[in-house]
Amino acid sequence: MSNGTTPPEQLLGALIFQNTPYSKMDLRPNWEHYVEWDGNTVLWNFRELPRRIRKSIRIPVEITIWTEKFTDSTGNKQYVQEKYLDWLVIGYEGGGGM
């Protein structure tokens, strides 16, 4: 719900980024060129119930995680930063006269 001053697309984007299961998620350079749309109706299970998804979008994101590599002789843990490609998928439920 818009608070009257912040555009809804900004609020939605903030909600998605705040609730990502990753410690850090970024948009890759030129991400817009790799977005995929699908207009085929499919069933997705959400909270153990089937949902009719009429349109979906797949957005490439770059995930950053910190992985423990080893513990040195003084007991200090050493971490390494790893980045990899993943996908944020959003499904639009309903529509199409239903």
C-alpha atoms as a PDB file:
ATOM      1  CA  MET A   1       0.000   0.000   0.000  1.00  0.00           C
ATOM      2  CA  SER A   2       1.386   3.379  -0.991  1.00  0.00           C
ATOM      3  CA  ASN A   3       2.045   5.872   1.773  1.00  0.00           C
ATOM      4  CA  GLY A   4       1.150   8.764  -0.515  1.00  0.00           C
ATOM      5  CA  THR A   5       4.692  10.002  -1.121  1.00  0.00           C
ATOM      6  CA  THR A   6       6.672   6.951  -2.159  1.00  0.00           C
ATOM      7  CA  PRO A   7       5.743   5.507  -5.570  1.00  0.00           C
ATOM      8  CA  PRO A   8       4.297   1.970  -5.328  1.00  0.00           C
ATOM      9  CA  GLU A   9       7.002   0.517  -7.608  1.00  0.00           C
ATOM     10  CA  GLN A  10       9.645   1.757  -5.169  1.00  0.00           C
ATOM     11  CA  LEU A  11       7.779   0.253  -2.200  1.00  0.00           C
ATOM     12  CA  LEU A  12       7.368  -3.076  -4.014  1.00  0.00           C
ATOM     13  CA  GLY A  13      11.045  -3.163  -4.973  1.00  0.00           C
ATOM     14  CA  ALA A  14      12.063  -2.436  -1.388  1.00  0.00           C
ATOM     15  CA  LEU A  15       9.765  -5.200  -0.102  1.00  0.00           C
ATOM     16  CA  ILE A  16      11.282  -7.741  -2.502  1.00  0.00           C
ATOM     17  CA  PHE A  17      14.860  -6.798  -1.627  1.00  0.00           C
ATOM     18  CA  GLN A  18      14.181  -6.739   2.142  1.00  0.00           C
ATOM     19  CA  ASN A  19      12.726 -10.249   2.040  1.00  0.00           C
ATOM     20  CA  THR A  20      15.246 -11.983  -0.195  1.00  0.00           C
ATOM     21  CA  PRO A  21      16.605 -15.206   1.311  1.00  0.00           C
ATOM     22  CA  TYR A  22      20.101 -14.088   0.311  1.00  0.00           C
ATOM     23  CA  SER A  23      22.450 -11.904   2.309  1.00  0.00           C
ATOM     24  CA  LYS A  24      22.981  -9.684  -0.721  1.00  0.00           C
ATOM     25  CA  MET A  25      21.191  -9.545  -4.065  1.00  0.00           C
ATOM     26  CA  ASP A  26      22.019  -7.107  -6.882  1.00  0.00           C
ATOM     27  CA  LEU A  27      20.849  -6.556 -10.415  1.00  0.00           C
ATOM     28  CA  ARG A  28      23.469  -7.553 -12.937  1.00  0.00           C
ATOM     29  CA  PRO A  29      24.707  -5.067 -15.541  1.00  0.00           C
ATOM     30  CA  ASN A  30      22.272  -4.937 -18.499  1.00  0.00           C
ATOM     31  CA  TRP A  31      19.823  -7.130 -16.553  1.00  0.00           C
ATOM     32  CA  GLU A  32      16.899  -5.775 -18.607  1.00  0.00           C
ATOM     33  CA  HIS A  33      18.204  -7.629 -21.693  1.00  0.00           C
ATOM     34  CA  TYR A  34      17.963 -11.010 -19.924  1.00  0.00           C
ATOM     35  CA  VAL A  35      14.480 -10.714 -18.403  1.00  0.00           C
ATOM     36  CA  GLU A  36      12.188 -13.506 -19.578  1.00  0.00           C
ATOM     37  CA  TRP A  37       8.384 -13.368 -19.761  1.00  0.00           C
ATOM     38  CA  ASP A  38       5.999 -16.299 -20.017  1.00  0.00           C
ATOM     39  CA  GLY A  39       2.292 -15.963 -20.751  1.00  0.00           C
ATOM     40  CA  ASN A  40       1.404 -19.633 -20.454  1.00  0.00           C
ATOM     41  CA  THR A  41      -0.989 -20.491 -17.636  1.00  0.00           C
ATOM     42  CA  VAL A  42       0.594 -22.855 -15.121  1.00  0.00           C
ATOM     43  CA  LEU A  43      -0.160 -24.085 -11.624  1.00  0.00           C
ATOM     44  CA  TRP A  44       2.259 -23.159  -8.863  1.00  0.00           C
ATOM     45  CA  ASN A  45       1.907 -24.461  -5.340  1.00  0.00           C
ATOM     46  CA  PHE A  46       2.019 -21.669  -2.780  1.00  0.00           C
ATOM     47  CA  ARG A  47       1.430 -22.438   0.897  1.00  0.00           C
ATOM     48  CA  GLU A  48       0.455 -25.958  -0.135  1.00  0.00           C
ATOM     49  CA  LEU A  49      -2.366 -24.751  -2.384  1.00  0.00           C
ATOM     50  CA  PRO A  50      -2.353 -24.714  -6.193  1.00  0.00           C
ATOM     51  CA  ARG A  51      -2.376 -21.213  -7.691  1.00  0.00           C
ATOM     52  CA  ARG A  52      -3.170 -20.450 -11.329  1.00  0.00           C
ATOM     53  CA  ILE A  53      -0.372 -18.258 -12.631  1.00  0.00           C
ATOM     54  CA  ARG A  54      -1.352 -16.428 -15.817  1.00  0.00           C
ATOM     55  CA  LYS A  55       1.906 -14.610 -16.487  1.00  0.00           C
ATOM     56  CA  SER A  56       5.374 -14.849 -14.992  1.00  0.00           C
ATOM     57  CA  ILE A  57       8.611 -12.947 -15.190  1.00  0.00           C
ATOM     58  CA  ARG A  58      12.130 -14.273 -14.584  1.00  0.00           C
ATOM     59  CA  ILE A  59      14.745 -11.674 -13.605  1.00  0.00           C
ATOM     60  CA  PRO A  60      18.488 -12.385 -13.383  1.00  0.00           C
ATOM     61  CA  VAL A  61      20.087 -11.370 -10.093  1.00  0.00           C
ATOM     62  CA  GLU A  62      23.615 -11.592  -8.768  1.00  0.00           C
ATOM     63  CA  ILE A  63      23.849 -13.207  -5.349  1.00  0.00           C
ATOM     64  CA  THR A  64      26.710 -12.551  -2.944  1.00  0.00           C
ATOM     65  CA  ILE A  65      27.379 -15.011  -0.142  1.00  0.00           C
ATOM     66  CA  TRP A  66      30.187 -15.382   2.366  1.00  0.00           C
ATOM     67  CA  THR A  67      31.454 -18.934   2.732  1.00  0.00           C
ATOM     68  CA  GLU A  68      33.673 -20.163   5.547  1.00  0.00           C
ATOM     69  CA  LYS A  69      36.861 -21.458   3.939  1.00  0.00           C
ATOM     70  CA  PHE A  70      38.890 -22.550   6.927  1.00  0.00           C
ATOM     71  CA  THR A  71      39.865 -21.770  10.495  1.00  0.00           C
ATOM     72  CA  ASP A  72      43.452 -20.639  10.921  1.00  0.00           C
ATOM     73  CA  SER A  73      45.842 -21.790  13.660  1.00  0.00           C
ATOM     74  CA  THR A  74      44.665 -19.025  16.021  1.00  0.00           C
ATOM     75  CA  GLY A  75      41.030 -20.099  15.731  1.00  0.00           C
ATOM     76  CA  ASN A  76      39.976 -17.237  13.460  1.00  0.00           C
ATOM     77  CA  LYS A  77      37.542 -18.246  10.757  1.00  0.00           C
ATOM     78  CA  GLN A  78      38.424 -17.157   7.251  1.00  0.00           C
ATOM     79  CA  TYR A  79      35.630 -16.358   4.797  1.00  0.00           C
ATOM     80  CA  VAL A  80      35.599 -15.831   1.082  1.00  0.00           C
ATOM     81  CA  GLN A  81      33.061 -13.814  -0.883  1.00  0.00           C
ATOM     82  CA  GLU A  82      31.360 -15.699  -3.701  1.00  0.00           C
ATOM     83  CA  LYS A  83      29.053 -14.315  -6.385  1.00  0.00           C
ATOM     84  CA  TYR A  84      26.782 -16.309  -8.634  1.00  0.00           C
ATOM     85  CA  LEU A  85      23.809 -15.891 -10.940  1.00  0.00           C
ATOM     86  CA  ASP A  86      20.334 -16.794  -9.751  1.00  0.00           C
ATOM     87  CA  TRP A  87      16.810 -15.878 -10.806  1.00  0.00           C
ATOM     88  CA  LEU A  88      14.012 -13.960  -9.147  1.00  0.00           C
ATOM     89  CA  VAL A  89      10.697 -15.336 -10.445  1.00  0.00           C
ATOM     90  CA  ILE A  90       7.439 -13.436 -10.022  1.00  0.00           C
ATOM     91  CA  GLY A  91       4.085 -14.945 -10.942  1.00  0.00           C
ATOM     92  CA  TYR A  92       0.890 -13.012 -11.626  1.00  0.00           C
ATOM     93  CA  GLU A  93      -2.085 -14.907 -10.259  1.00  0.00           C
ATOM     94  CA  GLY A  94      -5.578 -14.679 -11.717  1.00  0.00           C
ATOM     95  CA  GLY A  95      -6.528 -12.364 -14.536  1.00  0.00           C
ATOM     96  CA  GLY A  96      -7.699 -13.618 -17.883  1.00  0.00           C
ATOM     97  CA  GLY A  97     -11.363 -13.448 -16.876  1.00  0.00           C
ATOM     98  CA  MET A  98     -10.993 -15.559 -13.723  1.00  0.00           C
END
